[in-house]
PDBML (XML) file of the C-alpha atoms, coordinates in Angstrom:
<?xml version="1.0" encoding="UTF-8" ?>
<PDBx:datablock datablockName="MODEL"
   xmlns:PDBx="http://pdbml.pdb.org/schema/pdbx-v50.xsd"
   xmlns:xsi="http://www.w3.org/2001/XMLSchema-instance"
   xsi:schemaLocation="http://pdbml.pdb.org/schema/pdbx-v50.xsd pdbx-v50.xsd">
   <PDBx:atom_siteCategory>
      <PDBx:atom_site id="1">
         <PDBx:B_iso_or_equiv>0.00</PDBx:B_iso_or_equiv>
         <PDBx:Cartn_x>-0.132</PDBx:Cartn_x>
         <PDBx:Cartn_y>0.040</PDBx:Cartn_y>
         <PDBx:Cartn_z>0.044</PDBx:Cartn_z>
         <PDBx:auth_asym_id>A</PDBx:auth_asym_id>
         <PDBx:auth_atom_id>CA</PDBx:auth_atom_id>
         <PDBx:auth_comp_id>ASN</PDBx:auth_comp_id>
         <PDBx:auth_seq_id>1</PDBx:auth_seq_id>
         <PDBx:group_PDB>ATOM</PDBx:group_PDB>
         <PDBx:label_alt_id xsi:nil="true" />
         <PDBx:label_asym_id>A</PDBx:label_asym_id>
         <PDBx:label_atom_id>CA</PDBx:label_atom_id>
         <PDBx:label_comp_id>ASN</PDBx:label_comp_id>
         <PDBx:label_entity_id>1</PDBx:label_entity_id>
         <PDBx:label_seq_id>1</PDBx:label_seq_id>
         <PDBx:occupancy>1.00</PDBx:occupancy>
         <PDBx:pdbx_PDB_model_num>1</PDBx:pdbx_PDB_model_num>
         <PDBx:type_symbol>C</PDBx:type_symbol>
      </PDBx:atom_site>
      <PDBx:atom_site id="2">
         <PDBx:B_iso_or_equiv>0.00</PDBx:B_iso_or_equiv>
         <PDBx:Cartn_x>2.968</PDBx:Cartn_x>
         <PDBx:Cartn_y>2.429</PDBx:Cartn_y>
         <PDBx:Cartn_z>-0.782</PDBx:Cartn_z>
         <PDBx:auth_asym_id>A</PDBx:auth_asym_id>
         <PDBx:auth_atom_id>CA</PDBx:auth_atom_id>
         <PDBx:auth_comp_id>THR</PDBx:auth_comp_id>
         <PDBx:auth_seq_id>2</PDBx:auth_seq_id>
         <PDBx:group_PDB>ATOM</PDBx:group_PDB>
         <PDBx:label_alt_id xsi:nil="true" />
         <PDBx:label_asym_id>A</PDBx:label_asym_id>
         <PDBx:label_atom_id>CA</PDBx:label_atom_id>
         <PDBx:label_comp_id>THR</PDBx:label_comp_id>
         <PDBx:label_entity_id>1</PDBx:label_entity_id>
         <PDBx:label_seq_id>2</PDBx:label_seq_id>
         <PDBx:occupancy>1.00</PDBx:occupancy>
         <PDBx:pdbx_PDB_model_num>1</PDBx:pdbx_PDB_model_num>
         <PDBx:type_symbol>C</PDBx:type_symbol>
      </PDBx:atom_site>
      <PDBx:atom_site id="3">
         <PDBx:B_iso_or_equiv>0.00</PDBx:B_iso_or_equiv>
         <PDBx:Cartn_x>1.507</PDBx:Cartn_x>
         <PDBx:Cartn_y>3.429</PDBx:Cartn_y>
         <PDBx:Cartn_z>-4.213</PDBx:Cartn_z>
         <PDBx:auth_asym_id>A</PDBx:auth_asym_id>
         <PDBx:auth_atom_id>CA</PDBx:auth_atom_id>
         <PDBx:auth_comp_id>HIS</PDBx:auth_comp_id>
         <PDBx:auth_seq_id>3</PDBx:auth_seq_id>
         <PDBx:group_PDB>ATOM</PDBx:group_PDB>
         <PDBx:label_alt_id xsi:nil="true" />
         <PDBx:label_asym_id>A</PDBx:label_asym_id>
         <PDBx:label_atom_id>CA</PDBx:label_atom_id>
         <PDBx:label_comp_id>HIS</PDBx:label_comp_id>
         <PDBx:label_entity_id>1</PDBx:label_entity_id>
         <PDBx:label_seq_id>3</PDBx:label_seq_id>
         <PDBx:occupancy>1.00</PDBx:occupancy>
         <PDBx:pdbx_PDB_model_num>1</PDBx:pdbx_PDB_model_num>
         <PDBx:type_symbol>C</PDBx:type_symbol>
      </PDBx:atom_site>
      <PDBx:atom_site id="4">
         <PDBx:B_iso_or_equiv>0.00</PDBx:B_iso_or_equiv>
         <PDBx:Cartn_x>-0.197</PDBx:Cartn_x>
         <PDBx:Cartn_y>6.590</PDBx:Cartn_y>
         <PDBx:Cartn_z>-4.989</PDBx:Cartn_z>
         <PDBx:auth_asym_id>A</PDBx:auth_asym_id>
         <PDBx:auth_atom_id>CA</PDBx:auth_atom_id>
         <PDBx:auth_comp_id>ARG</PDBx:auth_comp_id>
         <PDBx:auth_seq_id>4</PDBx:auth_seq_id>
         <PDBx:group_PDB>ATOM</PDBx:group_PDB>
         <PDBx:label_alt_id xsi:nil="true" />
         <PDBx:label_asym_id>A</PDBx:label_asym_id>
         <PDBx:label_atom_id>CA</PDBx:label_atom_id>
         <PDBx:label_comp_id>ARG</PDBx:label_comp_id>
         <PDBx:label_entity_id>1</PDBx:label_entity_id>
         <PDBx:label_seq_id>4</PDBx:label_seq_id>
         <PDBx:occupancy>1.00</PDBx:occupancy>
         <PDBx:pdbx_PDB_model_num>1</PDBx:pdbx_PDB_model_num>
         <PDBx:type_symbol>C</PDBx:type_symbol>
      </PDBx:atom_site>
      <PDBx:atom_site id="5">
         <PDBx:B_iso_or_equiv>0.00</PDBx:B_iso_or_equiv>
         <PDBx:Cartn_x>-2.915</PDBx:Cartn_x>
         <PDBx:Cartn_y>5.291</PDBx:Cartn_y>
         <PDBx:Cartn_z>-7.267</PDBx:Cartn_z>
         <PDBx:auth_asym_id>A</PDBx:auth_asym_id>
         <PDBx:auth_atom_id>CA</PDBx:auth_atom_id>
         <PDBx:auth_comp_id>CYS</PDBx:auth_comp_id>
         <PDBx:auth_seq_id>5</PDBx:auth_seq_id>
         <PDBx:group_PDB>ATOM</PDBx:group_PDB>
         <PDBx:label_alt_id xsi:nil="true" />
         <PDBx:label_asym_id>A</PDBx:label_asym_id>
         <PDBx:label_atom_id>CA</PDBx:label_atom_id>
         <PDBx:label_comp_id>CYS</PDBx:label_comp_id>
         <PDBx:label_entity_id>1</PDBx:label_entity_id>
         <PDBx:label_seq_id>5</PDBx:label_seq_id>
         <PDBx:occupancy>1.00</PDBx:occupancy>
         <PDBx:pdbx_PDB_model_num>1</PDBx:pdbx_PDB_model_num>
         <PDBx:type_symbol>C</PDBx:type_symbol>
      </PDBx:atom_site>
      <PDBx:atom_site id="6">
         <PDBx:B_iso_or_equiv>0.00</PDBx:B_iso_or_equiv>
         <PDBx:Cartn_x>-6.251</PDBx:Cartn_x>
         <PDBx:Cartn_y>6.906</PDBx:Cartn_y>
         <PDBx:Cartn_z>-7.458</PDBx:Cartn_z>
         <PDBx:auth_asym_id>A</PDBx:auth_asym_id>
         <PDBx:auth_atom_id>CA</PDBx:auth_atom_id>
         <PDBx:auth_comp_id>ASN</PDBx:auth_comp_id>
         <PDBx:auth_seq_id>6</PDBx:auth_seq_id>
         <PDBx:group_PDB>ATOM</PDBx:group_PDB>
         <PDBx:label_alt_id xsi:nil="true" />
         <PDBx:label_asym_id>A</PDBx:label_asym_id>
         <PDBx:label_atom_id>CA</PDBx:label_atom_id>
         <PDBx:label_comp_id>ASN</PDBx:label_comp_id>
         <PDBx:label_entity_id>1</PDBx:label_entity_id>
         <PDBx:label_seq_id>6</PDBx:label_seq_id>
         <PDBx:occupancy>1.00</PDBx:occupancy>
         <PDBx:pdbx_PDB_model_num>1</PDBx:pdbx_PDB_model_num>
         <PDBx:type_symbol>C</PDBx:type_symbol>
      </PDBx:atom_site>
      <PDBx:atom_site id="7">
         <PDBx:B_iso_or_equiv>0.00</PDBx:B_iso_or_equiv>
         <PDBx:Cartn_x>-9.154</PDBx:Cartn_x>
         <PDBx:Cartn_y>5.413</PDBx:Cartn_y>
         <PDBx:Cartn_z>-5.473</PDBx:Cartn_z>
         <PDBx:auth_asym_id>A</PDBx:auth_asym_id>
         <PDBx:auth_atom_id>CA</PDBx:auth_atom_id>
         <PDBx:auth_comp_id>LEU</PDBx:auth_comp_id>
         <PDBx:auth_seq_id>7</PDBx:auth_seq_id>
         <PDBx:group_PDB>ATOM</PDBx:group_PDB>
         <PDBx:label_alt_id xsi:nil="true" />
         <PDBx:label_asym_id>A</PDBx:label_asym_id>
         <PDBx:label_atom_id>CA</PDBx:label_atom_id>
         <PDBx:label_comp_id>LEU</PDBx:label_comp_id>
         <PDBx:label_entity_id>1</PDBx:label_entity_id>
         <PDBx:label_seq_id>7</PDBx:label_seq_id>
         <PDBx:occupancy>1.00</PDBx:occupancy>
         <PDBx:pdbx_PDB_model_num>1</PDBx:pdbx_PDB_model_num>
         <PDBx:type_symbol>C</PDBx:type_symbol>
      </PDBx:atom_site>
      <PDBx:atom_site id="8">
         <PDBx:B_iso_or_equiv>0.00</PDBx:B_iso_or_equiv>
         <PDBx:Cartn_x>-10.793</PDBx:Cartn_x>
         <PDBx:Cartn_y>4.607</PDBx:Cartn_y>
         <PDBx:Cartn_z>-8.980</PDBx:Cartn_z>
         <PDBx:auth_asym_id>A</PDBx:auth_asym_id>
         <PDBx:auth_atom_id>CA</PDBx:auth_atom_id>
         <PDBx:auth_comp_id>HIS</PDBx:auth_comp_id>
         <PDBx:auth_seq_id>8</PDBx:auth_seq_id>
         <PDBx:group_PDB>ATOM</PDBx:group_PDB>
         <PDBx:label_alt_id xsi:nil="true" />
         <PDBx:label_asym_id>A</PDBx:label_asym_id>
         <PDBx:label_atom_id>CA</PDBx:label_atom_id>
         <PDBx:label_comp_id>HIS</PDBx:label_comp_id>
         <PDBx:label_entity_id>1</PDBx:label_entity_id>
         <PDBx:label_seq_id>8</PDBx:label_seq_id>
         <PDBx:occupancy>1.00</PDBx:occupancy>
         <PDBx:pdbx_PDB_model_num>1</PDBx:pdbx_PDB_model_num>
         <PDBx:type_symbol>C</PDBx:type_symbol>
      </PDBx:atom_site>
      <PDBx:atom_site id="9">
         <PDBx:B_iso_or_equiv>0.00</PDBx:B_iso_or_equiv>
         <PDBx:Cartn_x>-7.492</PDBx:Cartn_x>
         <PDBx:Cartn_y>2.935</PDBx:Cartn_y>
         <PDBx:Cartn_z>-10.380</PDBx:Cartn_z>
         <PDBx:auth_asym_id>A</PDBx:auth_asym_id>
         <PDBx:auth_atom_id>CA</PDBx:auth_atom_id>
         <PDBx:auth_comp_id>ALA</PDBx:auth_comp_id>
         <PDBx:auth_seq_id>9</PDBx:auth_seq_id>
         <PDBx:group_PDB>ATOM</PDBx:group_PDB>
         <PDBx:label_alt_id xsi:nil="true" />
         <PDBx:label_asym_id>A</PDBx:label_asym_id>
         <PDBx:label_atom_id>CA</PDBx:label_atom_id>
         <PDBx:label_comp_id>ALA</PDBx:label_comp_id>
         <PDBx:label_entity_id>1</PDBx:label_entity_id>
         <PDBx:label_seq_id>9</PDBx:label_seq_id>
         <PDBx:occupancy>1.00</PDBx:occupancy>
         <PDBx:pdbx_PDB_model_num>1</PDBx:pdbx_PDB_model_num>
         <PDBx:type_symbol>C</PDBx:type_symbol>
      </PDBx:atom_site>
      <PDBx:atom_site id="10">
         <PDBx:B_iso_or_equiv>0.00</PDBx:B_iso_or_equiv>
         <PDBx:Cartn_x>-5.902</PDBx:Cartn_x>
         <PDBx:Cartn_y>-0.317</PDBx:Cartn_y>
         <PDBx:Cartn_z>-10.364</PDBx:Cartn_z>
         <PDBx:auth_asym_id>A</PDBx:auth_asym_id>
         <PDBx:auth_atom_id>CA</PDBx:auth_atom_id>
         <PDBx:auth_comp_id>GLU</PDBx:auth_comp_id>
         <PDBx:auth_seq_id>10</PDBx:auth_seq_id>
         <PDBx:group_PDB>ATOM</PDBx:group_PDB>
         <PDBx:label_alt_id xsi:nil="true" />
         <PDBx:label_asym_id>A</PDBx:label_asym_id>
         <PDBx:label_atom_id>CA</PDBx:label_atom_id>
         <PDBx:label_comp_id>GLU</PDBx:label_comp_id>
         <PDBx:label_entity_id>1</PDBx:label_entity_id>
         <PDBx:label_seq_id>10</PDBx:label_seq_id>
         <PDBx:occupancy>1.00</PDBx:occupancy>
         <PDBx:pdbx_PDB_model_num>1</PDBx:pdbx_PDB_model_num>
         <PDBx:type_symbol>C</PDBx:type_symbol>
      </PDBx:atom_site>
      <PDBx:atom_site id="11">
         <PDBx:B_iso_or_equiv>0.00</PDBx:B_iso_or_equiv>
         <PDBx:Cartn_x>-2.446</PDBx:Cartn_x>
         <PDBx:Cartn_y>-0.671</PDBx:Cartn_y>
         <PDBx:Cartn_z>-8.981</PDBx:Cartn_z>
         <PDBx:auth_asym_id>A</PDBx:auth_asym_id>
         <PDBx:auth_atom_id>CA</PDBx:auth_atom_id>
         <PDBx:auth_comp_id>CYS</PDBx:auth_comp_id>
         <PDBx:auth_seq_id>11</PDBx:auth_seq_id>
         <PDBx:group_PDB>ATOM</PDBx:group_PDB>
         <PDBx:label_alt_id xsi:nil="true" />
         <PDBx:label_asym_id>A</PDBx:label_asym_id>
         <PDBx:label_atom_id>CA</PDBx:label_atom_id>
         <PDBx:label_comp_id>CYS</PDBx:label_comp_id>
         <PDBx:label_entity_id>1</PDBx:label_entity_id>
         <PDBx:label_seq_id>11</PDBx:label_seq_id>
         <PDBx:occupancy>1.00</PDBx:occupancy>
         <PDBx:pdbx_PDB_model_num>1</PDBx:pdbx_PDB_model_num>
         <PDBx:type_symbol>C</PDBx:type_symbol>
      </PDBx:atom_site>
      <PDBx:atom_site id="12">
         <PDBx:B_iso_or_equiv>0.00</PDBx:B_iso_or_equiv>
         <PDBx:Cartn_x>-0.111</PDBx:Cartn_x>
         <PDBx:Cartn_y>-2.829</PDBx:Cartn_y>
         <PDBx:Cartn_z>-11.055</PDBx:Cartn_z>
         <PDBx:auth_asym_id>A</PDBx:auth_asym_id>
         <PDBx:auth_atom_id>CA</PDBx:auth_atom_id>
         <PDBx:auth_comp_id>LEU</PDBx:auth_comp_id>
         <PDBx:auth_seq_id>12</PDBx:auth_seq_id>
         <PDBx:group_PDB>ATOM</PDBx:group_PDB>
         <PDBx:label_alt_id xsi:nil="true" />
         <PDBx:label_asym_id>A</PDBx:label_asym_id>
         <PDBx:label_atom_id>CA</PDBx:label_atom_id>
         <PDBx:label_comp_id>LEU</PDBx:label_comp_id>
         <PDBx:label_entity_id>1</PDBx:label_entity_id>
         <PDBx:label_seq_id>12</PDBx:label_seq_id>
         <PDBx:occupancy>1.00</PDBx:occupancy>
         <PDBx:pdbx_PDB_model_num>1</PDBx:pdbx_PDB_model_num>
         <PDBx:type_symbol>C</PDBx:type_symbol>
      </PDBx:atom_site>
      <PDBx:atom_site id="13">
         <PDBx:B_iso_or_equiv>0.00</PDBx:B_iso_or_equiv>
         <PDBx:Cartn_x>3.148</PDBx:Cartn_x>
         <PDBx:Cartn_y>-4.042</PDBx:Cartn_y>
         <PDBx:Cartn_z>-9.781</PDBx:Cartn_z>
         <PDBx:auth_asym_id>A</PDBx:auth_asym_id>
         <PDBx:auth_atom_id>CA</PDBx:auth_atom_id>
         <PDBx:auth_comp_id>ASN</PDBx:auth_comp_id>
         <PDBx:auth_seq_id>13</PDBx:auth_seq_id>
         <PDBx:group_PDB>ATOM</PDBx:group_PDB>
         <PDBx:label_alt_id xsi:nil="true" />
         <PDBx:label_asym_id>A</PDBx:label_asym_id>
         <PDBx:label_atom_id>CA</PDBx:label_atom_id>
         <PDBx:label_comp_id>ASN</PDBx:label_comp_id>
         <PDBx:label_entity_id>1</PDBx:label_entity_id>
         <PDBx:label_seq_id>13</PDBx:label_seq_id>
         <PDBx:occupancy>1.00</PDBx:occupancy>
         <PDBx:pdbx_PDB_model_num>1</PDBx:pdbx_PDB_model_num>
         <PDBx:type_symbol>C</PDBx:type_symbol>
      </PDBx:atom_site>
      <PDBx:atom_site id="14">
         <PDBx:B_iso_or_equiv>0.00</PDBx:B_iso_or_equiv>
         <PDBx:Cartn_x>6.245</PDBx:Cartn_x>
         <PDBx:Cartn_y>-3.948</PDBx:Cartn_y>
         <PDBx:Cartn_z>-11.953</PDBx:Cartn_z>
         <PDBx:auth_asym_id>A</PDBx:auth_asym_id>
         <PDBx:auth_atom_id>CA</PDBx:auth_atom_id>
         <PDBx:auth_comp_id>THR</PDBx:auth_comp_id>
         <PDBx:auth_seq_id>14</PDBx:auth_seq_id>
         <PDBx:group_PDB>ATOM</PDBx:group_PDB>
         <PDBx:label_alt_id xsi:nil="true" />
         <PDBx:label_asym_id>A</PDBx:label_asym_id>
         <PDBx:label_atom_id>CA</PDBx:label_atom_id>
         <PDBx:label_comp_id>THR</PDBx:label_comp_id>
         <PDBx:label_entity_id>1</PDBx:label_entity_id>
         <PDBx:label_seq_id>14</PDBx:label_seq_id>
         <PDBx:occupancy>1.00</PDBx:occupancy>
         <PDBx:pdbx_PDB_model_num>1</PDBx:pdbx_PDB_model_num>
         <PDBx:type_symbol>C</PDBx:type_symbol>
      </PDBx:atom_site>
      <PDBx:atom_site id="15">
         <PDBx:B_iso_or_equiv>0.00</PDBx:B_iso_or_equiv>
         <PDBx:Cartn_x>9.787</PDBx:Cartn_x>
         <PDBx:Cartn_y>-4.772</PDBx:Cartn_y>
         <PDBx:Cartn_z>-11.358</PDBx:Cartn_z>
         <PDBx:auth_asym_id>A</PDBx:auth_asym_id>
         <PDBx:auth_atom_id>CA</PDBx:auth_atom_id>
         <PDBx:auth_comp_id>GLU</PDBx:auth_comp_id>
         <PDBx:auth_seq_id>15</PDBx:auth_seq_id>
         <PDBx:group_PDB>ATOM</PDBx:group_PDB>
         <PDBx:label_alt_id xsi:nil="true" />
         <PDBx:label_asym_id>A</PDBx:label_asym_id>
         <PDBx:label_atom_id>CA</PDBx:label_atom_id>
         <PDBx:label_comp_id>GLU</PDBx:label_comp_id>
         <PDBx:label_entity_id>1</PDBx:label_entity_id>
         <PDBx:label_seq_id>15</PDBx:label_seq_id>
         <PDBx:occupancy>1.00</PDBx:occupancy>
         <PDBx:pdbx_PDB_model_num>1</PDBx:pdbx_PDB_model_num>
         <PDBx:type_symbol>C</PDBx:type_symbol>
      </PDBx:atom_site>
      <PDBx:atom_site id="16">
         <PDBx:B_iso_or_equiv>0.00</PDBx:B_iso_or_equiv>
         <PDBx:Cartn_x>11.270</PDBx:Cartn_x>
         <PDBx:Cartn_y>-1.988</PDBx:Cartn_y>
         <PDBx:Cartn_z>-8.983</PDBx:Cartn_z>
         <PDBx:auth_asym_id>A</PDBx:auth_asym_id>
         <PDBx:auth_atom_id>CA</PDBx:auth_atom_id>
         <PDBx:auth_comp_id>GLY</PDBx:auth_comp_id>
         <PDBx:auth_seq_id>16</PDBx:auth_seq_id>
         <PDBx:group_PDB>ATOM</PDBx:group_PDB>
         <PDBx:label_alt_id xsi:nil="true" />
         <PDBx:label_asym_id>A</PDBx:label_asym_id>
         <PDBx:label_atom_id>CA</PDBx:label_atom_id>
         <PDBx:label_comp_id>GLY</PDBx:label_comp_id>
         <PDBx:label_entity_id>1</PDBx:label_entity_id>
         <PDBx:label_seq_id>16</PDBx:label_seq_id>
         <PDBx:occupancy>1.00</PDBx:occupancy>
         <PDBx:pdbx_PDB_model_num>1</PDBx:pdbx_PDB_model_num>
         <PDBx:type_symbol>C</PDBx:type_symbol>
      </PDBx:atom_site>
      <PDBx:atom_site id="17">
         <PDBx:B_iso_or_equiv>0.00</PDBx:B_iso_or_equiv>
         <PDBx:Cartn_x>8.126</PDBx:Cartn_x>
         <PDBx:Cartn_y>-0.111</PDBx:Cartn_y>
         <PDBx:Cartn_z>-9.558</PDBx:Cartn_z>
         <PDBx:auth_asym_id>A</PDBx:auth_asym_id>
         <PDBx:auth_atom_id>CA</PDBx:auth_atom_id>
         <PDBx:auth_comp_id>SER</PDBx:auth_comp_id>
         <PDBx:auth_seq_id>17</PDBx:auth_seq_id>
         <PDBx:group_PDB>ATOM</PDBx:group_PDB>
         <PDBx:label_alt_id xsi:nil="true" />
         <PDBx:label_asym_id>A</PDBx:label_asym_id>
         <PDBx:label_atom_id>CA</PDBx:label_atom_id>
         <PDBx:label_comp_id>SER</PDBx:label_comp_id>
         <PDBx:label_entity_id>1</PDBx:label_entity_id>
         <PDBx:label_seq_id>17</PDBx:label_seq_id>
         <PDBx:occupancy>1.00</PDBx:occupancy>
         <PDBx:pdbx_PDB_model_num>1</PDBx:pdbx_PDB_model_num>
         <PDBx:type_symbol>C</PDBx:type_symbol>
      </PDBx:atom_site>
      <PDBx:atom_site id="18">
         <PDBx:B_iso_or_equiv>0.00</PDBx:B_iso_or_equiv>
         <PDBx:Cartn_x>4.316</PDBx:Cartn_x>
         <PDBx:Cartn_y>0.071</PDBx:Cartn_y>
         <PDBx:Cartn_z>-10.012</PDBx:Cartn_z>
         <PDBx:auth_asym_id>A</PDBx:auth_asym_id>
         <PDBx:auth_atom_id>CA</PDBx:auth_atom_id>
         <PDBx:auth_comp_id>PHE</PDBx:auth_comp_id>
         <PDBx:auth_seq_id>18</PDBx:auth_seq_id>
         <PDBx:group_PDB>ATOM</PDBx:group_PDB>
         <PDBx:label_alt_id xsi:nil="true" />
         <PDBx:label_asym_id>A</PDBx:label_asym_id>
         <PDBx:label_atom_id>CA</PDBx:label_atom_id>
         <PDBx:label_comp_id>PHE</PDBx:label_comp_id>
         <PDBx:label_entity_id>1</PDBx:label_entity_id>
         <PDBx:label_seq_id>18</PDBx:label_seq_id>
         <PDBx:occupancy>1.00</PDBx:occupancy>
         <PDBx:pdbx_PDB_model_num>1</PDBx:pdbx_PDB_model_num>
         <PDBx:type_symbol>C</PDBx:type_symbol>
      </PDBx:atom_site>
      <PDBx:atom_site id="19">
         <PDBx:B_iso_or_equiv>0.00</PDBx:B_iso_or_equiv>
         <PDBx:Cartn_x>1.843</PDBx:Cartn_x>
         <PDBx:Cartn_y>1.465</PDBx:Cartn_y>
         <PDBx:Cartn_z>-12.550</PDBx:Cartn_z>
         <PDBx:auth_asym_id>A</PDBx:auth_asym_id>
         <PDBx:auth_atom_id>CA</PDBx:auth_atom_id>
         <PDBx:auth_comp_id>LYS</PDBx:auth_comp_id>
         <PDBx:auth_seq_id>19</PDBx:auth_seq_id>
         <PDBx:group_PDB>ATOM</PDBx:group_PDB>
         <PDBx:label_alt_id xsi:nil="true" />
         <PDBx:label_asym_id>A</PDBx:label_asym_id>
         <PDBx:label_atom_id>CA</PDBx:label_atom_id>
         <PDBx:label_comp_id>LYS</PDBx:label_comp_id>
         <PDBx:label_entity_id>1</PDBx:label_entity_id>
         <PDBx:label_seq_id>19</PDBx:label_seq_id>
         <PDBx:occupancy>1.00</PDBx:occupancy>
         <PDBx:pdbx_PDB_model_num>1</PDBx:pdbx_PDB_model_num>
         <PDBx:type_symbol>C</PDBx:type_symbol>
      </PDBx:atom_site>
      <PDBx:atom_site id="20">
         <PDBx:B_iso_or_equiv>0.00</PDBx:B_iso_or_equiv>
         <PDBx:Cartn_x>-1.783</PDBx:Cartn_x>
         <PDBx:Cartn_y>2.786</PDBx:Cartn_y>
         <PDBx:Cartn_z>-11.988</PDBx:Cartn_z>
         <PDBx:auth_asym_id>A</PDBx:auth_asym_id>
         <PDBx:auth_atom_id>CA</PDBx:auth_atom_id>
         <PDBx:auth_comp_id>CYS</PDBx:auth_comp_id>
         <PDBx:auth_seq_id>20</PDBx:auth_seq_id>
         <PDBx:group_PDB>ATOM</PDBx:group_PDB>
         <PDBx:label_alt_id xsi:nil="true" />
         <PDBx:label_asym_id>A</PDBx:label_asym_id>
         <PDBx:label_atom_id>CA</PDBx:label_atom_id>
         <PDBx:label_comp_id>CYS</PDBx:label_comp_id>
         <PDBx:label_entity_id>1</PDBx:label_entity_id>
         <PDBx:label_seq_id>20</PDBx:label_seq_id>
         <PDBx:occupancy>1.00</PDBx:occupancy>
         <PDBx:pdbx_PDB_model_num>1</PDBx:pdbx_PDB_model_num>
         <PDBx:type_symbol>C</PDBx:type_symbol>
      </PDBx:atom_site>
      <PDBx:atom_site id="21">
         <PDBx:B_iso_or_equiv>0.00</PDBx:B_iso_or_equiv>
         <PDBx:Cartn_x>-4.630</PDBx:Cartn_x>
         <PDBx:Cartn_y>2.205</PDBx:Cartn_y>
         <PDBx:Cartn_z>-14.461</PDBx:Cartn_z>
         <PDBx:auth_asym_id>A</PDBx:auth_asym_id>
         <PDBx:auth_atom_id>CA</PDBx:auth_atom_id>
         <PDBx:auth_comp_id>LYS</PDBx:auth_comp_id>
         <PDBx:auth_seq_id>21</PDBx:auth_seq_id>
         <PDBx:group_PDB>ATOM</PDBx:group_PDB>
         <PDBx:label_alt_id xsi:nil="true" />
         <PDBx:label_asym_id>A</PDBx:label_asym_id>
         <PDBx:label_atom_id>CA</PDBx:label_atom_id>
         <PDBx:label_comp_id>LYS</PDBx:label_comp_id>
         <PDBx:label_entity_id>1</PDBx:label_entity_id>
         <PDBx:label_seq_id>21</PDBx:label_seq_id>
         <PDBx:occupancy>1.00</PDBx:occupancy>
         <PDBx:pdbx_PDB_model_num>1</PDBx:pdbx_PDB_model_num>
         <PDBx:type_symbol>C</PDBx:type_symbol>
      </PDBx:atom_site>
      <PDBx:atom_site id="22">
         <PDBx:B_iso_or_equiv>0.00</PDBx:B_iso_or_equiv>
         <PDBx:Cartn_x>-7.876</PDBx:Cartn_x>
         <PDBx:Cartn_y>3.846</PDBx:Cartn_y>
         <PDBx:Cartn_z>-14.193</PDBx:Cartn_z>
         <PDBx:auth_asym_id>A</PDBx:auth_asym_id>
         <PDBx:auth_atom_id>CA</PDBx:auth_atom_id>
         <PDBx:auth_comp_id>CYS</PDBx:auth_comp_id>
         <PDBx:auth_seq_id>22</PDBx:auth_seq_id>
         <PDBx:group_PDB>ATOM</PDBx:group_PDB>
         <PDBx:label_alt_id xsi:nil="true" />
         <PDBx:label_asym_id>A</PDBx:label_asym_id>
         <PDBx:label_atom_id>CA</PDBx:label_atom_id>
         <PDBx:label_comp_id>CYS</PDBx:label_comp_id>
         <PDBx:label_entity_id>1</PDBx:label_entity_id>
         <PDBx:label_seq_id>22</PDBx:label_seq_id>
         <PDBx:occupancy>1.00</PDBx:occupancy>
         <PDBx:pdbx_PDB_model_num>1</PDBx:pdbx_PDB_model_num>
         <PDBx:type_symbol>C</PDBx:type_symbol>
      </PDBx:atom_site>
      <PDBx:atom_site id="23">
         <PDBx:B_iso_or_equiv>0.00</PDBx:B_iso_or_equiv>
         <PDBx:Cartn_x>-10.731</PDBx:Cartn_x>
         <PDBx:Cartn_y>1.318</PDBx:Cartn_y>
         <PDBx:Cartn_z>-13.618</PDBx:Cartn_z>
         <PDBx:auth_asym_id>A</PDBx:auth_asym_id>
         <PDBx:auth_atom_id>CA</PDBx:auth_atom_id>
         <PDBx:auth_comp_id>LYS</PDBx:auth_comp_id>
         <PDBx:auth_seq_id>23</PDBx:auth_seq_id>
         <PDBx:group_PDB>ATOM</PDBx:group_PDB>
         <PDBx:label_alt_id xsi:nil="true" />
         <PDBx:label_asym_id>A</PDBx:label_asym_id>
         <PDBx:label_atom_id>CA</PDBx:label_atom_id>
         <PDBx:label_comp_id>LYS</PDBx:label_comp_id>
         <PDBx:label_entity_id>1</PDBx:label_entity_id>
         <PDBx:label_seq_id>23</PDBx:label_seq_id>
         <PDBx:occupancy>1.00</PDBx:occupancy>
         <PDBx:pdbx_PDB_model_num>1</PDBx:pdbx_PDB_model_num>
         <PDBx:type_symbol>C</PDBx:type_symbol>
      </PDBx:atom_site>
      <PDBx:atom_site id="24">
         <PDBx:B_iso_or_equiv>0.00</PDBx:B_iso_or_equiv>
         <PDBx:Cartn_x>-13.466</PDBx:Cartn_x>
         <PDBx:Cartn_y>0.708</PDBx:Cartn_y>
         <PDBx:Cartn_z>-16.295</PDBx:Cartn_z>
         <PDBx:auth_asym_id>A</PDBx:auth_asym_id>
         <PDBx:auth_atom_id>CA</PDBx:auth_atom_id>
         <PDBx:auth_comp_id>GLN</PDBx:auth_comp_id>
         <PDBx:auth_seq_id>24</PDBx:auth_seq_id>
         <PDBx:group_PDB>ATOM</PDBx:group_PDB>
         <PDBx:label_alt_id xsi:nil="true" />
         <PDBx:label_asym_id>A</PDBx:label_asym_id>
         <PDBx:label_atom_id>CA</PDBx:label_atom_id>
         <PDBx:label_comp_id>GLN</PDBx:label_comp_id>
         <PDBx:label_entity_id>1</PDBx:label_entity_id>
         <PDBx:label_seq_id>24</PDBx:label_seq_id>
         <PDBx:occupancy>1.00</PDBx:occupancy>
         <PDBx:pdbx_PDB_model_num>1</PDBx:pdbx_PDB_model_num>
         <PDBx:type_symbol>C</PDBx:type_symbol>
      </PDBx:atom_site>
   </PDBx:atom_siteCategory>
</PDBx:datablock>
């Protein structure tokens, strides 16, 4: 839970980092 994704976004873990993708 150290990501900064939006409440309406999914967190996707990547090697050494993460990505955020807005939900449908």
